[in-house]
Amino acid sequence: MVISAALNAISAAPIQAPERSRQVTHKPYPNYKVIVLNDDFNTFNHVHDCLVKYIPDMTSDRAWELTNQVHYEGQAIVWVGPQEQAELYHQQLSRAGLTMAPLETA
């Protein structure tokens, strides 16, 4: 009898579920940097032409600035953005013969 009375008391007690937070935290996806490295076999013209061909909205003037940066500073960040696009541009530039640094988060 004592056991059944205790069970009835437990089952009769209201159960409250923990409150769920209504706040949603949006964490943006990281951006990735596409970096071209200096090397001894690609010409200025080839680097410039690849940048104009494969990087969206790349102007000729900006491509020359980046080409000079690659040559004189050893590397240049040529594009920053979402991972999927960064992987595409990295692969295209690499296949064109440019020396590429691994993708890095920005």
Foldseek 3Di string as FASTA:
>chain_A
DVVVVVVVVVVVDDDDDDDDDPDDDDDDDFKKWWKFFDDDPDDLVLQLVLLVVQPPPDDSVNSSVQSVCRVPVGMDGSDIGDDVSSVVSNVSCVVSPTHTDPMDTD
